[in-house]
């Protein structure tokens, strides 16, 4: 009975099952050692590549494992013109952004006037000889200015010669949509507005062709 065909096959089955289990267990153990030694099969080469990309860029900028971050270069200041009319007006009462706009405008030799109502704006325009503003900036959270009511009035009066830009919190998606619907040409999150402020002020603060010295 022990020498019958059933016995060798039973033993062989057990032997084959053992052999079937050993290679995966052996490879699994190797994978565990790789993780301990190299930080994981997948993360090791990825970390290496990202570090290489960071080393090839500007060192000391950005977080480890991320590409370098680049800050837009500051534009050149405009030539000083004491008699230049203001071409940029801002409905901004937030002290932080008011100070930031003032400081950036000063560095670029750009005149920016802060207004509270549409009457203030029209009065300033008359003082400028009816020259249309190039840019009007709205803090869309400035409730006193009533941006969603005032923007369509200004667009109707000033037409396409004036750009209207608003800024708000990045989570205010509904307000952004409403601002676009009433005629705001561009709506930016506060961070993006701050980052692009020098370029915006210089572009719109420059005199129109033919009006310079």
N, C-alpha and C. Protein backbone atom coordinates (compact mmCIF):
# COMPACT_ATOMS: atom_id res chain seq x y z
N UNK A 1 0.83 -1.21 0.00
CA UNK A 1 0.00 0.00 0.00
C UNK A 1 0.86 1.24 0.00
N UNK A 2 1.96 1.25 0.81
CA UNK A 2 2.82 2.43 0.84
C UNK A 2 3.54 2.64 -0.48
N UNK A 3 3.72 1.53 -1.23
CA UNK A 3 4.44 1.65 -2.49
C UNK A 3 3.48 1.85 -3.63
N UNK A 4 2.17 2.01 -3.35
CA UNK A 4 1.19 2.17 -4.41
C UNK A 4 1.33 3.51 -5.09
N UNK A 5 0.62 3.67 -6.18
CA UNK A 5 0.74 4.92 -6.94
C UNK A 5 0.20 6.13 -6.20
N UNK A 6 -0.72 5.88 -5.21
CA UNK A 6 -1.27 7.03 -4.49
C UNK A 6 -0.26 7.72 -3.61
N UNK A 7 0.66 6.96 -3.01
CA UNK A 7 1.60 7.55 -2.06
C UNK A 7 2.59 8.51 -2.71
N UNK A 8 3.27 8.08 -3.78
CA UNK A 8 4.22 9.04 -4.40
C UNK A 8 3.50 10.29 -4.87
N UNK A 9 2.27 10.09 -5.42
CA UNK A 9 1.60 11.30 -5.93
C UNK A 9 1.26 12.25 -4.79
N UNK A 10 0.83 11.70 -3.61
CA UNK A 10 0.53 12.59 -2.48
C UNK A 10 1.77 13.33 -2.02
N UNK A 11 2.86 12.58 -1.90
CA UNK A 11 4.10 13.25 -1.47
C UNK A 11 4.56 14.26 -2.48
N UNK A 12 4.43 13.84 -3.78
CA UNK A 12 4.86 14.79 -4.80
C UNK A 12 4.04 16.04 -4.80
N UNK A 13 2.70 15.88 -4.51
CA UNK A 13 1.84 17.06 -4.46
C UNK A 13 2.29 18.02 -3.39
N UNK A 14 2.62 17.46 -2.22
CA UNK A 14 3.07 18.34 -1.14
C UNK A 14 4.36 19.02 -1.50
N UNK A 15 5.26 18.27 -2.13
CA UNK A 15 6.54 18.87 -2.52
C UNK A 15 6.34 19.98 -3.54
N UNK A 16 5.41 19.74 -4.50
CA UNK A 16 5.19 20.76 -5.53
C UNK A 16 4.58 22.02 -4.91
N UNK A 17 3.70 21.84 -3.94
CA UNK A 17 3.09 23.02 -3.31
C UNK A 17 4.13 23.83 -2.55
N UNK A 18 5.04 23.13 -1.91
CA UNK A 18 6.09 23.85 -1.19
C UNK A 18 6.96 24.64 -2.16
N UNK A 19 7.31 23.92 -3.28
CA UNK A 19 8.15 24.63 -4.26
C UNK A 19 7.41 25.83 -4.85
N UNK A 20 6.07 25.70 -4.98
CA UNK A 20 5.28 26.80 -5.55
C UNK A 20 5.23 28.01 -4.64
N UNK A 21 5.31 27.75 -3.32
CA UNK A 21 5.20 28.87 -2.39
C UNK A 21 6.54 29.56 -2.16
N UNK A 22 7.62 28.80 -2.28
CA UNK A 22 8.91 29.36 -1.89
C UNK A 22 9.36 30.55 -2.74
N UNK A 23 9.25 30.45 -4.06
CA UNK A 23 9.78 31.59 -4.85
C UNK A 23 9.09 32.92 -4.53
N UNK A 24 7.69 32.94 -4.42
CA UNK A 24 7.09 34.23 -4.07
C UNK A 24 7.54 34.75 -2.72
N UNK A 25 7.65 33.80 -1.71
CA UNK A 25 8.08 34.24 -0.39
C UNK A 25 9.49 34.77 -0.45
N UNK A 26 10.32 34.13 -1.29
CA UNK A 26 11.71 34.56 -1.40
C UNK A 26 11.79 35.93 -2.04
N UNK A 27 10.98 36.10 -3.11
CA UNK A 27 11.02 37.41 -3.77
C UNK A 27 10.41 38.49 -2.88
N UNK A 28 9.35 38.12 -2.15
CA UNK A 28 8.74 39.10 -1.25
C UNK A 28 9.73 39.58 -0.22
N UNK A 29 10.55 38.62 0.31
CA UNK A 29 11.55 39.03 1.29
C UNK A 29 12.54 39.99 0.67
N UNK A 30 12.87 39.73 -0.61
CA UNK A 30 13.82 40.63 -1.27
C UNK A 30 13.23 42.02 -1.42
N UNK A 31 11.92 42.07 -1.73
CA UNK A 31 11.27 43.37 -1.88
C UNK A 31 11.29 44.11 -0.56
N UNK A 32 11.06 43.39 0.55
CA UNK A 32 11.09 44.04 1.85
C UNK A 32 12.45 44.63 2.13
N UNK A 33 13.53 43.87 1.76
CA UNK A 33 14.87 44.39 1.98
C UNK A 33 15.12 45.62 1.12
N UNK A 34 14.58 45.60 -0.12
CA UNK A 34 14.77 46.77 -1.00
C UNK A 34 14.12 48.00 -0.41
N UNK A 35 12.92 47.81 0.18
CA UNK A 35 12.24 48.97 0.77
C UNK A 35 13.05 49.55 1.91
N UNK A 36 13.61 48.64 2.72
CA UNK A 36 14.39 49.12 3.86
C UNK A 36 15.66 49.80 3.40
N UNK A 37 16.25 49.29 2.34
CA UNK A 37 17.55 49.82 1.90
C UNK A 37 17.39 51.04 1.02
N UNK A 38 16.42 50.98 0.11
CA UNK A 38 16.33 52.04 -0.91
C UNK A 38 15.10 52.91 -0.77
N UNK A 39 14.25 52.69 0.21
CA UNK A 39 13.07 53.53 0.35
C UNK A 39 11.91 53.11 -0.53
N UNK A 40 11.94 51.87 -1.08
CA UNK A 40 10.83 51.40 -1.90
C UNK A 40 11.19 51.35 -3.36
N UNK A 41 10.66 50.34 -4.07
CA UNK A 41 11.00 50.15 -5.47
C UNK A 41 10.56 51.34 -6.30
N UNK A 42 9.37 51.89 -5.99
CA UNK A 42 8.83 52.96 -6.82
C UNK A 42 9.33 54.32 -6.40
N UNK A 43 9.47 54.55 -5.09
CA UNK A 43 9.84 55.89 -4.66
C UNK A 43 11.31 56.19 -4.86
N UNK A 44 12.16 55.17 -4.83
CA UNK A 44 13.59 55.45 -4.94
C UNK A 44 13.96 56.10 -6.27
N UNK A 45 13.58 55.51 -7.42
CA UNK A 45 13.96 56.17 -8.67
C UNK A 45 13.24 57.50 -8.86
N UNK A 46 11.98 57.64 -8.37
CA UNK A 46 11.26 58.91 -8.53
C UNK A 46 11.94 60.00 -7.72
N UNK A 47 12.32 59.69 -6.49
CA UNK A 47 12.99 60.69 -5.67
C UNK A 47 14.29 61.12 -6.32
N UNK A 48 14.99 60.17 -6.88
CA UNK A 48 16.27 60.48 -7.52
C UNK A 48 16.07 61.44 -8.69
N UNK A 49 15.06 61.16 -9.51
CA UNK A 49 14.83 62.01 -10.67
C UNK A 49 14.40 63.41 -10.27
N UNK A 50 13.53 63.52 -9.26
CA UNK A 50 13.08 64.84 -8.85
C UNK A 50 14.22 65.65 -8.24
N UNK A 51 15.08 64.95 -7.48
CA UNK A 51 16.22 65.68 -6.91
C UNK A 51 17.14 66.15 -8.01
N UNK A 52 17.31 65.34 -9.03
CA UNK A 52 18.16 65.75 -10.14
C UNK A 52 17.60 66.97 -10.83
N UNK A 53 16.27 66.97 -11.04
CA UNK A 53 15.64 68.12 -11.70
C UNK A 53 15.82 69.36 -10.85
N UNK A 54 15.67 69.20 -9.52
CA UNK A 54 15.83 70.36 -8.66
C UNK A 54 17.26 70.86 -8.65
N UNK A 55 18.27 69.91 -8.68
CA UNK A 55 19.66 70.33 -8.67
C UNK A 55 20.04 71.04 -9.95
N UNK A 56 19.44 70.62 -11.07
CA UNK A 56 19.75 71.27 -12.33
C UNK A 56 19.14 72.65 -12.42
N UNK A 57 18.08 72.92 -11.62
CA UNK A 57 17.47 74.24 -11.60
C UNK A 57 18.16 75.11 -10.58
N UNK A 58 17.43 76.10 -10.09
CA UNK A 58 18.00 77.00 -9.10
C UNK A 58 17.98 76.31 -7.75
N UNK A 59 19.15 76.18 -7.12
CA UNK A 59 19.23 75.50 -5.84
C UNK A 59 18.72 76.42 -4.75
N UNK A 60 18.14 75.80 -3.73
CA UNK A 60 17.67 76.56 -2.60
C UNK A 60 16.28 77.13 -2.78
N UNK A 61 15.65 76.88 -3.93
CA UNK A 61 14.29 77.39 -4.14
C UNK A 61 13.33 76.23 -4.26
N UNK A 62 12.15 76.40 -3.68
CA UNK A 62 11.16 75.34 -3.76
C UNK A 62 11.40 74.28 -2.71
N UNK A 63 10.45 73.38 -2.57
CA UNK A 63 10.58 72.31 -1.59
C UNK A 63 11.30 71.12 -2.19
N UNK A 64 11.99 70.31 -1.36
CA UNK A 64 12.66 69.12 -1.90
C UNK A 64 11.64 68.21 -2.58
N UNK A 65 12.01 67.70 -3.75
CA UNK A 65 11.12 66.82 -4.48
C UNK A 65 10.23 67.56 -5.45
N UNK A 66 10.33 68.88 -5.51
CA UNK A 66 9.53 69.68 -6.43
C UNK A 66 10.46 70.52 -7.30
N UNK A 67 9.98 70.84 -8.49
CA UNK A 67 10.76 71.70 -9.37
C UNK A 67 10.90 73.08 -8.77
N UNK A 68 11.89 73.86 -9.21
CA UNK A 68 12.10 75.20 -8.66
C UNK A 68 10.95 76.12 -9.01
N UNK A 69 10.64 77.03 -8.11
CA UNK A 69 9.59 78.01 -8.37
C UNK A 69 10.23 79.30 -8.88
N UNK A 70 9.58 79.93 -9.84
CA UNK A 70 10.12 81.13 -10.45
C UNK A 70 9.19 82.29 -10.19
N UNK A 71 9.72 83.40 -9.74
CA UNK A 71 8.94 84.61 -9.51
C UNK A 71 9.09 85.51 -10.72
N UNK A 72 7.98 86.04 -11.24
CA UNK A 72 8.08 86.93 -12.40
C UNK A 72 9.01 88.10 -12.09
N UNK A 73 9.84 88.46 -13.05
CA UNK A 73 10.76 89.56 -12.86
C UNK A 73 10.00 90.88 -12.77
N UNK A 74 10.52 91.80 -11.98
CA UNK A 74 9.89 93.10 -11.82
C UNK A 74 10.07 93.91 -13.09
N UNK A 75 9.00 94.52 -13.59
CA UNK A 75 9.13 95.34 -14.80
C UNK A 75 9.89 96.63 -14.53
N UNK A 76 10.44 97.22 -15.58
CA UNK A 76 11.17 98.46 -15.45
C UNK A 76 10.21 99.61 -15.15
N UNK A 77 10.61 100.55 -14.29
CA UNK A 77 9.74 101.71 -14.01
C UNK A 77 9.54 102.55 -15.27
N UNK A 78 8.42 103.23 -15.34
CA UNK A 78 8.14 104.14 -16.43
C UNK A 78 8.88 105.46 -16.21
N UNK A 79 9.16 106.20 -17.27
CA UNK A 79 9.76 107.53 -17.09
C UNK A 79 8.86 108.42 -16.24
N UNK A 80 9.47 109.22 -15.39
CA UNK A 80 8.70 110.08 -14.50
C UNK A 80 8.05 111.20 -15.31
N UNK A 81 6.73 111.37 -15.13
CA UNK A 81 5.99 112.46 -15.77
C UNK A 81 5.07 113.09 -14.73
N UNK A 82 5.48 114.24 -14.23
CA UNK A 82 4.73 114.89 -13.16
C UNK A 82 3.33 115.32 -13.61
N UNK A 83 3.20 115.66 -14.90
CA UNK A 83 1.93 116.16 -15.39
C UNK A 83 1.03 115.06 -15.96
N UNK A 84 1.46 113.81 -15.82
CA UNK A 84 0.68 112.71 -16.41
C UNK A 84 -0.64 112.55 -15.66
N UNK A 85 -1.70 112.32 -16.42
CA UNK A 85 -3.01 112.08 -15.82
C UNK A 85 -3.10 110.63 -15.35
N UNK A 86 -3.89 110.44 -14.31
CA UNK A 86 -4.08 109.08 -13.82
C UNK A 86 -4.89 108.28 -14.84
N UNK A 87 -4.39 107.10 -15.15
CA UNK A 87 -5.08 106.22 -16.09
C UNK A 87 -5.61 104.97 -15.40
N UNK A 88 -5.31 104.86 -14.10
CA UNK A 88 -5.73 103.69 -13.33
C UNK A 88 -6.48 104.16 -12.09
N UNK A 89 -7.65 103.57 -11.86
CA UNK A 89 -8.46 103.90 -10.69
C UNK A 89 -8.81 102.60 -9.97
N UNK A 90 -8.92 102.70 -8.66
CA UNK A 90 -9.15 101.49 -7.86
C UNK A 90 -10.25 101.71 -6.84
N UNK A 91 -11.23 100.81 -6.84
CA UNK A 91 -12.26 100.76 -5.81
C UNK A 91 -11.80 99.73 -4.78
N UNK A 92 -10.86 100.12 -3.96
CA UNK A 92 -10.24 99.22 -2.99
C UNK A 92 -10.19 99.92 -1.64
N UNK A 93 -10.75 99.29 -0.61
CA UNK A 93 -10.66 99.85 0.73
C UNK A 93 -9.96 98.91 1.71
N UNK A 94 -9.58 97.73 1.24
CA UNK A 94 -8.79 96.80 2.06
C UNK A 94 -7.41 97.42 2.28
N UNK A 95 -7.04 97.65 3.53
CA UNK A 95 -5.81 98.38 3.83
C UNK A 95 -4.57 97.67 3.30
N UNK A 96 -4.56 96.34 3.34
CA UNK A 96 -3.40 95.61 2.86
C UNK A 96 -3.20 95.84 1.36
N UNK A 97 -4.27 95.65 0.58
CA UNK A 97 -4.14 95.81 -0.87
C UNK A 97 -4.00 97.29 -1.26
N UNK A 98 -4.62 98.17 -0.50
CA UNK A 98 -4.45 99.59 -0.77
C UNK A 98 -2.97 99.98 -0.66
N UNK A 99 -2.33 99.54 0.44
CA UNK A 99 -0.91 99.85 0.63
C UNK A 99 -0.04 99.16 -0.43
N UNK A 100 -0.39 97.93 -0.80
CA UNK A 100 0.40 97.20 -1.79
C UNK A 100 0.32 97.87 -3.15
N UNK A 101 -0.87 98.31 -3.54
CA UNK A 101 -1.03 98.99 -4.83
C UNK A 101 -0.27 100.31 -4.82
N UNK A 102 -0.36 101.05 -3.72
CA UNK A 102 0.35 102.33 -3.63
C UNK A 102 1.86 102.13 -3.74
N UNK A 103 2.39 101.16 -3.03
CA UNK A 103 3.83 100.93 -3.04
C UNK A 103 4.31 100.48 -4.42
N UNK A 104 3.57 99.55 -5.04
CA UNK A 104 3.96 99.06 -6.36
C UNK A 104 3.89 100.19 -7.39
N UNK A 105 2.85 101.02 -7.32
CA UNK A 105 2.72 102.14 -8.25
C UNK A 105 3.86 103.14 -8.07
N UNK A 106 4.25 103.37 -6.84
CA UNK A 106 5.35 104.31 -6.57
C UNK A 106 6.65 103.82 -7.20
N UNK A 107 6.92 102.52 -7.07
CA UNK A 107 8.15 101.97 -7.63
C UNK A 107 8.18 102.06 -9.16
N UNK A 108 7.00 101.98 -9.78
CA UNK A 108 6.92 101.96 -11.24
C UNK A 108 6.65 103.34 -11.84
N UNK A 109 6.54 104.37 -10.98
CA UNK A 109 6.21 105.73 -11.44
C UNK A 109 4.85 105.75 -12.16
N UNK A 110 3.90 105.04 -11.60
CA UNK A 110 2.55 104.97 -12.16
C UNK A 110 1.58 105.64 -11.19
N UNK A 111 0.68 106.44 -11.72
CA UNK A 111 -0.31 107.09 -10.89
C UNK A 111 -1.56 106.23 -10.78
N UNK A 112 -1.97 105.97 -9.55
CA UNK A 112 -3.20 105.22 -9.28
C UNK A 112 -4.03 106.05 -8.31
N UNK A 113 -5.28 106.27 -8.64
CA UNK A 113 -6.17 107.02 -7.76
C UNK A 113 -7.22 106.07 -7.18
N UNK A 114 -7.48 106.24 -5.88
CA UNK A 114 -8.46 105.41 -5.19
C UNK A 114 -9.77 106.19 -5.07
N UNK A 115 -10.85 105.55 -5.48
CA UNK A 115 -12.16 106.19 -5.47
C UNK A 115 -13.14 105.30 -4.71
N UNK A 116 -14.22 105.93 -4.23
CA UNK A 116 -15.20 105.19 -3.43
C UNK A 116 -16.52 104.98 -4.16
N UNK A 117 -16.89 105.92 -5.04
CA UNK A 117 -18.17 105.82 -5.74
C UNK A 117 -17.96 106.14 -7.22
N UNK A 118 -18.99 105.85 -8.02
CA UNK A 118 -18.89 106.18 -9.44
C UNK A 118 -18.84 107.70 -9.65
N UNK A 119 -19.45 108.49 -8.74
CA UNK A 119 -19.37 109.95 -8.84
C UNK A 119 -17.94 110.42 -8.64
N UNK A 120 -17.23 109.80 -7.67
CA UNK A 120 -15.82 110.14 -7.49
C UNK A 120 -15.04 109.88 -8.77
N UNK A 121 -15.31 108.77 -9.40
CA UNK A 121 -14.60 108.41 -10.62
C UNK A 121 -14.88 109.42 -11.73
N UNK A 122 -16.13 109.80 -11.92
CA UNK A 122 -16.48 110.74 -12.98
C UNK A 122 -15.85 112.11 -12.72
N UNK A 123 -15.83 112.52 -11.46
CA UNK A 123 -15.20 113.81 -11.12
C UNK A 123 -13.71 113.79 -11.45
N UNK A 124 -13.05 112.69 -11.13
CA UNK A 124 -11.61 112.59 -11.43
C UNK A 124 -11.38 112.56 -12.93
N UNK A 125 -12.26 111.90 -13.66
CA UNK A 125 -12.12 111.85 -15.11
C UNK A 125 -12.25 113.24 -15.72
N UNK A 126 -13.15 114.05 -15.19
CA UNK A 126 -13.30 115.42 -15.69
C UNK A 126 -12.02 116.21 -15.44
N UNK A 127 -11.42 116.00 -14.28
CA UNK A 127 -10.16 116.67 -13.98
C UNK A 127 -9.06 116.25 -14.94
N UNK A 128 -9.18 115.05 -15.47
CA UNK A 128 -8.17 114.54 -16.41
C UNK A 128 -8.48 114.91 -17.86
N UNK A 129 -9.47 115.77 -18.06
CA UNK A 129 -9.79 116.17 -19.42
C UNK A 129 -10.61 115.13 -20.15
N UNK A 130 -11.44 114.40 -19.43
CA UNK A 130 -12.32 113.39 -20.04
C UNK A 130 -11.57 112.21 -20.64
N UNK A 131 -10.28 112.10 -20.36
CA UNK A 131 -9.54 110.92 -20.85
C UNK A 131 -10.03 109.69 -20.13
N UNK A 132 -10.38 108.67 -20.88
CA UNK A 132 -10.92 107.46 -20.27
C UNK A 132 -9.83 106.70 -19.51
N UNK A 133 -10.20 106.10 -18.39
CA UNK A 133 -9.22 105.27 -17.67
C UNK A 133 -8.81 104.08 -18.53
N UNK A 134 -7.58 103.67 -18.34
CA UNK A 134 -7.11 102.46 -19.00
C UNK A 134 -7.48 101.22 -18.20
N UNK A 135 -7.51 101.37 -16.86
CA UNK A 135 -7.78 100.22 -15.99
C UNK A 135 -8.56 100.68 -14.77
N UNK A 136 -9.56 99.90 -14.41
CA UNK A 136 -10.28 100.09 -13.15
C UNK A 136 -10.20 98.79 -12.37
N UNK A 137 -9.74 98.89 -11.12
CA UNK A 137 -9.54 97.72 -10.27
C UNK A 137 -10.64 97.68 -9.21
N UNK A 138 -11.25 96.53 -9.05
CA UNK A 138 -12.29 96.35 -8.04
C UNK A 138 -11.87 95.26 -7.06
N UNK A 139 -11.94 95.60 -5.77
CA UNK A 139 -11.99 94.55 -4.76
C UNK A 139 -13.44 94.09 -4.72
N UNK A 140 -13.70 92.90 -5.22
CA UNK A 140 -15.08 92.43 -5.35
C UNK A 140 -15.75 92.18 -4.01
N UNK A 141 -14.99 92.25 -2.93
CA UNK A 141 -15.57 92.15 -1.59
C UNK A 141 -15.76 93.52 -0.94
N UNK A 142 -15.54 94.59 -1.72
CA UNK A 142 -15.76 95.94 -1.23
C UNK A 142 -17.25 96.27 -1.34
N UNK A 143 -17.99 95.98 -0.27
CA UNK A 143 -19.44 96.13 -0.30
C UNK A 143 -19.87 97.58 -0.51
N UNK A 144 -19.06 98.54 -0.03
CA UNK A 144 -19.43 99.95 -0.16
C UNK A 144 -19.47 100.40 -1.62
N UNK A 145 -18.64 99.79 -2.46
CA UNK A 145 -18.59 100.17 -3.87
C UNK A 145 -19.66 99.48 -4.70
N UNK A 146 -20.29 98.45 -4.16
CA UNK A 146 -21.32 97.68 -4.87
C UNK A 146 -20.84 97.28 -6.27
N UNK A 147 -19.77 96.47 -6.34
CA UNK A 147 -19.14 96.14 -7.63
C UNK A 147 -20.09 95.55 -8.66
N UNK A 148 -20.96 94.63 -8.27
CA UNK A 148 -21.82 93.95 -9.24
C UNK A 148 -22.86 94.90 -9.84
N UNK A 149 -23.13 95.99 -9.15
CA UNK A 149 -24.05 96.99 -9.69
C UNK A 149 -23.30 98.04 -10.51
N UNK A 150 -22.12 98.41 -10.05
CA UNK A 150 -21.38 99.48 -10.69
C UNK A 150 -20.65 99.04 -11.96
N UNK A 151 -20.14 97.83 -11.98
CA UNK A 151 -19.36 97.36 -13.14
C UNK A 151 -20.15 97.45 -14.45
N UNK A 152 -21.39 96.97 -14.53
CA UNK A 152 -22.11 97.08 -15.80
C UNK A 152 -22.36 98.54 -16.22
N UNK A 153 -22.57 99.45 -15.25
CA UNK A 153 -22.74 100.86 -15.58
C UNK A 153 -21.48 101.43 -16.21
N UNK A 154 -20.33 101.07 -15.63
CA UNK A 154 -19.06 101.59 -16.16
C UNK A 154 -18.75 101.00 -17.53
N UNK A 155 -19.05 99.72 -17.71
CA UNK A 155 -18.80 99.10 -19.01
C UNK A 155 -19.65 99.75 -20.09
N UNK A 156 -20.88 100.09 -19.74
CA UNK A 156 -21.77 100.72 -20.71
C UNK A 156 -21.29 102.12 -21.08
N UNK A 157 -20.72 102.83 -20.12
CA UNK A 157 -20.29 104.21 -20.35
C UNK A 157 -18.91 104.28 -21.00
N UNK A 158 -18.00 103.42 -20.55
CA UNK A 158 -16.60 103.51 -20.99
C UNK A 158 -16.28 102.63 -22.19
N UNK A 159 -17.16 101.69 -22.50
CA UNK A 159 -16.98 100.80 -23.66
C UNK A 159 -15.71 99.97 -23.51
N UNK A 160 -15.08 99.68 -24.66
CA UNK A 160 -13.94 98.76 -24.67
C UNK A 160 -12.61 99.44 -24.37
N UNK A 161 -12.63 100.75 -24.23
CA UNK A 161 -11.36 101.45 -24.00
C UNK A 161 -10.81 101.25 -22.60
N UNK A 162 -11.62 100.72 -21.70
CA UNK A 162 -11.22 100.55 -20.30
C UNK A 162 -11.34 99.09 -19.89
N UNK A 163 -10.29 98.56 -19.29
CA UNK A 163 -10.32 97.20 -18.75
C UNK A 163 -10.73 97.24 -17.29
N UNK A 164 -11.57 96.30 -16.89
CA UNK A 164 -12.00 96.21 -15.50
C UNK A 164 -11.54 94.87 -14.95
N UNK A 165 -10.76 94.93 -13.89
CA UNK A 165 -10.22 93.73 -13.26
C UNK A 165 -10.69 93.68 -11.82
N UNK A 166 -11.16 92.52 -11.40
CA UNK A 166 -11.58 92.32 -10.02
C UNK A 166 -10.76 91.23 -9.35
N UNK A 167 -10.63 91.33 -8.05
CA UNK A 167 -9.95 90.26 -7.31
C UNK A 167 -10.80 89.86 -6.11
N UNK A 168 -10.65 88.60 -5.70
CA UNK A 168 -11.46 88.03 -4.62
C UNK A 168 -10.73 86.84 -4.02
N UNK A 169 -11.37 86.21 -3.04
CA UNK A 169 -10.82 84.99 -2.47
C UNK A 169 -10.99 83.85 -3.47
N UNK A 170 -10.02 82.93 -3.49
CA UNK A 170 -10.05 81.85 -4.47
C UNK A 170 -11.22 80.88 -4.25
N UNK A 171 -11.87 80.94 -3.10
CA UNK A 171 -13.00 80.04 -2.83
C UNK A 171 -14.34 80.64 -3.25
N UNK A 172 -14.35 81.87 -3.73
CA UNK A 172 -15.61 82.55 -4.07
C UNK A 172 -15.96 82.34 -5.54
N UNK A 173 -16.23 81.10 -5.89
CA UNK A 173 -16.53 80.75 -7.27
C UNK A 173 -17.80 81.39 -7.79
N UNK A 174 -18.83 81.49 -6.96
CA UNK A 174 -20.09 82.09 -7.39
C UNK A 174 -19.92 83.58 -7.68
N UNK A 175 -19.17 84.27 -6.81
CA UNK A 175 -18.93 85.70 -7.02
C UNK A 175 -18.10 85.93 -8.28
N UNK A 176 -17.16 85.06 -8.53
CA UNK A 176 -16.36 85.17 -9.76
C UNK A 176 -17.24 85.06 -11.00
N UNK A 177 -18.14 84.09 -11.00
CA UNK A 177 -19.04 83.91 -12.13
C UNK A 177 -19.93 85.13 -12.34
N UNK A 178 -20.48 85.68 -11.25
CA UNK A 178 -21.35 86.85 -11.35
C UNK A 178 -20.59 88.06 -11.86
N UNK A 179 -19.33 88.21 -11.43
CA UNK A 179 -18.53 89.35 -11.89
C UNK A 179 -18.28 89.27 -13.39
N UNK A 180 -18.00 88.08 -13.89
CA UNK A 180 -17.84 87.92 -15.34
C UNK A 180 -19.14 88.25 -16.07
N UNK A 181 -20.24 87.82 -15.52
CA UNK A 181 -21.54 88.02 -16.17
C UNK A 181 -21.90 89.49 -16.29
N UNK A 182 -21.50 90.32 -15.32
CA UNK A 182 -21.86 91.74 -15.36
C UNK A 182 -20.84 92.58 -16.13
N UNK A 183 -19.77 91.95 -16.62
CA UNK A 183 -18.85 92.69 -17.48
C UNK A 183 -17.42 92.81 -17.03
N UNK A 184 -17.05 92.18 -15.92
CA UNK A 184 -15.66 92.24 -15.46
C UNK A 184 -14.77 91.48 -16.45
N UNK A 185 -13.75 92.16 -16.98
CA UNK A 185 -12.92 91.56 -18.02
C UNK A 185 -12.03 90.43 -17.48
N UNK A 186 -11.58 90.58 -16.25
CA UNK A 186 -10.71 89.57 -15.66
C UNK A 186 -10.97 89.51 -14.17
N UNK A 187 -11.08 88.29 -13.64
CA UNK A 187 -11.27 88.08 -12.20
C UNK A 187 -10.14 87.19 -11.70
N UNK A 188 -9.41 87.66 -10.72
CA UNK A 188 -8.23 86.95 -10.23
C UNK A 188 -8.35 86.64 -8.74
N UNK A 189 -7.83 85.50 -8.30
CA UNK A 189 -7.68 85.28 -6.86
C UNK A 189 -6.72 86.31 -6.29
N UNK A 190 -6.82 86.57 -5.02
CA UNK A 190 -5.98 87.59 -4.39
C UNK A 190 -4.49 87.33 -4.62
N UNK A 191 -4.09 86.07 -4.51
CA UNK A 191 -2.67 85.75 -4.67
C UNK A 191 -2.19 86.05 -6.09
N UNK A 192 -2.99 85.68 -7.09
CA UNK A 192 -2.61 85.93 -8.48
C UNK A 192 -2.61 87.43 -8.78
N UNK A 193 -3.56 88.15 -8.21
CA UNK A 193 -3.60 89.61 -8.40
C UNK A 193 -2.33 90.24 -7.84
N UNK A 194 -1.93 89.84 -6.65
CA UNK A 194 -0.71 90.38 -6.05
C UNK A 194 0.51 90.08 -6.91
N UNK A 195 0.57 88.85 -7.42
CA UNK A 195 1.73 88.43 -8.20
C UNK A 195 1.82 89.20 -9.52
N UNK A 196 0.70 89.48 -10.13
CA UNK A 196 0.68 90.13 -11.44
C UNK A 196 0.50 91.64 -11.37
N UNK A 197 0.40 92.18 -10.17
CA UNK A 197 0.14 93.60 -10.01
C UNK A 197 1.18 94.49 -10.71
N UNK A 198 2.49 94.24 -10.57
CA UNK A 198 3.45 95.12 -11.25
C UNK A 198 3.25 95.16 -12.76
N UNK A 199 3.03 94.01 -13.38
CA UNK A 199 2.84 93.97 -14.83
C UNK A 199 1.56 94.71 -15.23
N UNK A 200 0.49 94.54 -14.45
CA UNK A 200 -0.77 95.19 -14.76
C UNK A 200 -0.65 96.71 -14.67
N UNK A 201 -0.02 97.20 -13.61
CA UNK A 201 0.09 98.64 -13.42
C UNK A 201 0.98 99.27 -14.48
N UNK A 202 2.06 98.60 -14.82
CA UNK A 202 2.96 99.19 -15.82
C UNK A 202 2.29 99.22 -17.19
N UNK A 203 1.61 98.14 -17.57
CA UNK A 203 0.99 98.08 -18.88
C UNK A 203 -0.09 99.15 -19.03
N UNK A 204 -0.94 99.27 -18.01
CA UNK A 204 -2.06 100.21 -18.12
C UNK A 204 -1.68 101.62 -17.70
N UNK A 205 -0.58 101.76 -16.98
CA UNK A 205 -0.17 103.09 -16.57
C UNK A 205 0.67 103.83 -17.60
N UNK A 206 1.17 103.11 -18.60
CA UNK A 206 1.96 103.75 -19.64
C UNK A 206 1.06 104.64 -20.50
N UNK A 207 1.58 105.79 -20.94
CA UNK A 207 0.76 106.67 -21.79
C UNK A 207 0.45 106.03 -23.12
N UNK A 208 -0.67 106.41 -23.70
CA UNK A 208 -1.04 105.89 -25.00
C UNK A 208 -0.07 106.39 -26.05
N UNK A 209 0.15 105.61 -27.11
CA UNK A 209 1.04 106.05 -28.19
C UNK A 209 0.63 107.41 -28.72
N UNK A 210 1.61 108.30 -28.85
CA UNK A 210 1.31 109.62 -29.38
C UNK A 210 1.04 110.67 -28.31
N UNK A 211 0.92 110.20 -27.02
CA UNK A 211 0.65 111.17 -25.94
C UNK A 211 1.87 111.42 -25.09
N UNK A 212 2.93 110.67 -25.32
CA UNK A 212 4.13 110.84 -24.53
C UNK A 212 4.96 112.00 -25.02
N UNK A 213 6.08 112.26 -24.29
CA UNK A 213 6.97 113.35 -24.68
C UNK A 213 7.75 112.97 -25.93
